[in-house]
C-alpha atoms as a PDB file:
ATOM      1  CA  MET A   1    -103.698  12.649 193.476  1.00  0.00           C
ATOM      2  CA  PRO A   2    -101.923  14.500 196.249  1.00  0.00           C
ATOM      3  CA  PRO A   3     -98.435  15.617 195.730  1.00  0.00           C
ATOM      4  CA  ARG A   4     -95.739  13.572 197.048  1.00  0.00           C
ATOM      5  CA  PRO A   5     -93.703  14.978 199.960  1.00  0.00           C
ATOM      6  CA  TYR A   6     -90.136  16.044 199.145  1.00  0.00           C
ATOM      7  CA  PRO A   7     -87.818  13.195 199.984  1.00  0.00           C
ATOM      8  CA  TRP A   8     -84.824  14.437 202.064  1.00  0.00           C
ATOM      9  CA  LYS A   9     -82.028  12.188 201.069  1.00  0.00           C
ATOM     10  CA  ARG A  10     -79.025  13.878 203.036  1.00  0.00           C
ATOM     11  CA  ARG A  11     -77.598  12.469 206.108  1.00  0.00           C
ATOM     12  CA  ARG A  12     -77.605  14.389 209.338  1.00  0.00           C
ATOM     13  CA  GLY A  13     -74.683  16.882 209.680  1.00  0.00           C
ATOM     14  CA  TRP A  14     -74.208  16.801 205.787  1.00  0.00           C
ATOM     15  CA  TRP A  15     -73.430  20.694 206.035  1.00  0.00           C
ATOM     16  CA  LEU A  16     -70.368  19.866 208.343  1.00  0.00           C
ATOM     17  CA  ARG A  17     -68.678  18.209 205.348  1.00  0.00           C
ATOM     18  CA  ASN A  18     -68.882  21.015 203.042  1.00  0.00           C
ATOM     19  CA  PRO A  19     -66.816  24.061 203.874  1.00  0.00           C
ATOM     20  CA  HIS A  20     -69.119  26.481 202.164  1.00  0.00           C
ATOM     21  CA  TYR A  21     -72.082  25.423 204.234  1.00  0.00           C
ATOM     22  CA  LEU A  22     -70.066  25.158 207.265  1.00  0.00           C
ATOM     23  CA  LEU A  23     -69.016  28.696 206.785  1.00  0.00           C
ATOM     24  CA  PHE A  24     -72.490  29.785 206.000  1.00  0.00           C
ATOM     25  CA  GLN A  25     -73.710  28.362 209.222  1.00  0.00           C
ATOM     26  CA  ALA A  26     -70.831  29.906 211.243  1.00  0.00           C
ATOM     27  CA  ARG A  27     -71.695  33.254 209.801  1.00  0.00           C
ATOM     28  CA  GLU A  28     -75.471  32.898 210.728  1.00  0.00           C
ATOM     29  CA  VAL A  29     -74.591  31.715 214.319  1.00  0.00           C
ATOM     30  CA  GLY A  30     -72.225  34.643 214.403  1.00  0.00           C
ATOM     31  CA  GLY A  31     -74.977  37.025 213.667  1.00  0.00           C
ATOM     32  CA  ILE A  32     -76.950  35.785 216.711  1.00  0.00           C
ATOM     33  CA  LEU A  33     -73.786  35.828 218.854  1.00  0.00           C
ATOM     34  CA  THR A  34     -73.168  39.401 217.722  1.00  0.00           C
ATOM     35  CA  ALA A  35     -76.477  40.442 219.247  1.00  0.00           C
ATOM     36  CA  ILE A  36     -75.539  38.709 222.450  1.00  0.00           C
ATOM     37  CA  VAL A  37     -72.229  40.721 222.448  1.00  0.00           C
ATOM     38  CA  GLY A  38     -74.157  43.891 221.975  1.00  0.00           C
ATOM     39  CA  LEU A  39     -76.581  43.062 224.793  1.00  0.00           C
ATOM     40  CA  ILE A  40     -73.463  42.484 227.146  1.00  0.00           C
ATOM     41  CA  LEU A  41     -72.022  45.878 226.107  1.00  0.00           C
ATOM     42  CA  LEU A  42     -75.437  47.449 226.738  1.00  0.00           C
ATOM     43  CA  TYR A  43     -75.539  45.878 230.190  1.00  0.00           C
ATOM     44  CA  GLN A  44     -71.960  47.334 230.753  1.00  0.00           C
ATOM     45  CA  VAL A  45     -73.147  50.721 229.813  1.00  0.00           C
ATOM     46  CA  ILE A  46     -76.214  50.314 232.254  1.00  0.00           C
ATOM     47  CA  GLN A  47     -73.861  49.245 235.020  1.00  0.00           C
ATOM     48  CA  LEU A  48     -71.584  52.178 234.433  1.00  0.00           C
ATOM     49  CA  GLN A  49     -74.613  54.519 234.676  1.00  0.00           C
ATOM     50  CA  ALA A  50     -75.674  52.789 237.898  1.00  0.00           C
ATOM     51  CA  GLY A  51     -72.445  53.958 239.770  1.00  0.00           C
ATOM     52  CA  PRO A  52     -69.003  52.873 240.635  1.00  0.00           C
ATOM     53  CA  ASP A  53     -69.943  49.979 242.867  1.00  0.00           C
ATOM     54  CA  ALA A  54     -72.202  48.433 240.294  1.00  0.00           C
ATOM     55  CA  TYR A  55     -69.651  48.840 237.661  1.00  0.00           C
ATOM     56  CA  SER A  56     -67.015  47.378 239.739  1.00  0.00           C
ATOM     57  CA  ALA A  57     -69.132  44.289 240.350  1.00  0.00           C
ATOM     58  CA  PHE A  58     -69.578  44.068 236.609  1.00  0.00           C
ATOM     59  CA  LEU A  59     -65.928  44.243 235.920  1.00  0.00           C
ATOM     60  CA  THR A  60     -65.264  41.660 238.591  1.00  0.00           C
ATOM     61  CA  ILE A  61     -67.558  39.267 236.742  1.00  0.00           C
ATOM     62  CA  ALA A  62     -66.274  40.351 233.237  1.00  0.00           C
ATOM     63  CA  PHE A  63     -62.683  39.623 234.203  1.00  0.00           C
ATOM     64  CA  SER A  64     -63.419  36.059 235.612  1.00  0.00           C
ATOM     65  CA  PRO A  65     -61.854  33.133 233.604  1.00  0.00           C
ATOM     66  CA  PRO A  66     -65.273  31.696 232.413  1.00  0.00           C
ATOM     67  CA  MET A  67     -66.467  35.073 231.277  1.00  0.00           C
ATOM     68  CA  LEU A  68     -63.082  35.793 229.472  1.00  0.00           C
ATOM     69  CA  GLY A  69     -63.408  32.386 227.784  1.00  0.00           C
ATOM     70  CA  LEU A  70     -66.940  33.125 226.649  1.00  0.00           C
ATOM     71  CA  MET A  71     -65.971  36.567 225.347  1.00  0.00           C
ATOM     72  CA  THR A  72     -63.052  34.904 223.417  1.00  0.00           C
ATOM     73  CA  VAL A  73     -65.425  32.533 221.729  1.00  0.00           C
ATOM     74  CA  LEU A  74     -67.912  35.334 221.112  1.00  0.00           C
ATOM     75  CA  LEU A  75     -65.268  37.437 219.614  1.00  0.00           C
ATOM     76  CA  ALA A  76     -64.068  34.685 217.262  1.00  0.00           C
ATOM     77  CA  PHE A  77     -67.600  34.227 215.941  1.00  0.00           C
ATOM     78  CA  VAL A  78     -68.117  38.009 215.672  1.00  0.00           C
ATOM     79  CA  LEU A  79     -64.984  38.266 213.504  1.00  0.00           C
ATOM     80  CA  VAL A  80     -66.087  35.266 211.347  1.00  0.00           C
ATOM     81  CA  HIS A  81     -69.505  36.987 210.855  1.00  0.00           C
ATOM     82  CA  ALA A  82     -67.911  40.309 209.988  1.00  0.00           C
ATOM     83  CA  VAL A  83     -65.353  39.060 207.623  1.00  0.00           C
ATOM     84  CA  THR A  84     -67.693  36.627 205.773  1.00  0.00           C
ATOM     85  CA  TRP A  85     -70.294  39.400 205.541  1.00  0.00           C
ATOM     86  CA  PHE A  86     -67.664  41.769 204.013  1.00  0.00           C
ATOM     87  CA  MET A  87     -66.835  38.833 201.530  1.00  0.00           C
ATOM     88  CA  LEU A  88     -70.359  38.547 200.763  1.00  0.00           C
ATOM     89  CA  LEU A  89     -70.946  42.156 199.840  1.00  0.00           C
ATOM     90  CA  GLY A  90     -69.093  42.130 196.559  1.00  0.00           C
ATOM     91  CA  LYS A  91     -70.815  38.996 195.447  1.00  0.00           C
ATOM     92  CA  ALA A  92     -74.364  39.891 196.357  1.00  0.00           C
ATOM     93  CA  GLN A  93     -74.334  43.399 195.202  1.00  0.00           C
ATOM     94  CA  PRO A  94     -71.555  44.017 192.710  1.00  0.00           C
ATOM     95  CA  ILE A  95     -70.286  47.644 192.861  1.00  0.00           C
ATOM     96  CA  GLN A  96     -70.065  49.220 189.482  1.00  0.00           C
ATOM     97  CA  LEU A  97     -68.112  52.609 189.319  1.00  0.00           C
ATOM     98  CA  THR A  98     -66.681  51.946 185.746  1.00  0.00           C
ATOM     99  CA  ALA A  99     -67.791  49.922 182.676  1.00  0.00           C
ATOM    100  CA  LYS A 100     -66.818  46.703 184.668  1.00  0.00           C
ATOM    101  CA  PRO A 101     -67.900  45.859 188.149  1.00  0.00           C
ATOM    102  CA  MET A 102     -65.312  45.724 190.914  1.00  0.00           C
ATOM    103  CA  SER A 103     -64.218  42.234 191.911  1.00  0.00           C
ATOM    104  CA  TRP A 104     -65.306  41.015 195.102  1.00  0.00           C
ATOM    105  CA  ARG A 105     -61.904  40.679 196.381  1.00  0.00           C
ATOM    106  CA  LYS A 106     -61.348  44.619 195.842  1.00  0.00           C
ATOM    107  CA  VAL A 107     -64.666  45.332 197.653  1.00  0.00           C
ATOM    108  CA  PHE A 108     -63.640  42.961 200.533  1.00  0.00           C
ATOM    109  CA  ALA A 109     -60.265  44.745 200.863  1.00  0.00           C
ATOM    110  CA  ILE A 110     -61.868  48.168 200.875  1.00  0.00           C
ATOM    111  CA  ASN A 111     -64.320  47.079 203.539  1.00  0.00           C
ATOM    112  CA  LEU A 112     -61.486  45.802 205.749  1.00  0.00           C
ATOM    113  CA  ILE A 113     -59.634  48.975 205.410  1.00  0.00           C
ATOM    114  CA  LEU A 114     -62.440  51.017 206.179  1.00  0.00           C
ATOM    115  CA  TRP A 115     -63.130  48.793 209.069  1.00  0.00           C
ATOM    116  CA  ALA A 116     -59.735  49.337 210.473  1.00  0.00           C
ATOM    117  CA  LEU A 117     -59.788  53.072 209.861  1.00  0.00           C
ATOM    118  CA  VAL A 118     -63.131  53.347 211.783  1.00  0.00           C
ATOM    119  CA  SER A 119     -61.925  51.132 214.581  1.00  0.00           C
ATOM    120  CA  ILE A 120     -58.689  53.322 215.003  1.00  0.00           C
ATOM    121  CA  GLY A 121     -60.902  56.379 215.005  1.00  0.00           C
ATOM    122  CA  VAL A 122     -63.049  55.057 217.740  1.00  0.00           C
ATOM    123  CA  LEU A 123     -60.065  54.074 219.802  1.00  0.00           C
ATOM    124  CA  TYR A 124     -58.664  57.593 219.364  1.00  0.00           C
ATOM    125  CA  LEU A 125     -62.098  59.097 220.482  1.00  0.00           C
ATOM    126  CA  ILE A 126     -62.051  56.730 223.572  1.00  0.00           C
ATOM    127  CA  PHE A 127     -58.402  57.003 224.596  1.00  0.00           C
ATOM    128  CA  GLY A 128     -57.768  60.441 223.356  1.00  0.00           C
ATOM    129  CA  GLY A 129     -54.992  61.702 221.229  1.00  0.00           C
ATOM    130  CA  PRO A 130     -51.398  62.864 222.065  1.00  0.00           C
END
């Protein structure tokens, strides 16, 4: 007797009604969109290397209203991806420095603080100090 196929009893879009699944899907889409942002930044570096005219043409396109709108949406998804990933770190791999593991909220806060410090350091390196 052949096995019966698994009956899928959920309606389409079921994950849209559950905030946990919706956030999971947003994080997964954010990962793909993060790669797209990386490709855009890589293309920017290539245009910078190509010379002032090529980079000026890139900046003209980059500051057009449709591209600014696209980059705003991409930034939102990248932030959702990063924040939910930091939230997941303490849950998926508990960090145990003492007898009791750290709470995921503490790991999340430490990750956000480190992210902010690294971002400030990168901005300092790019724009120079006093």
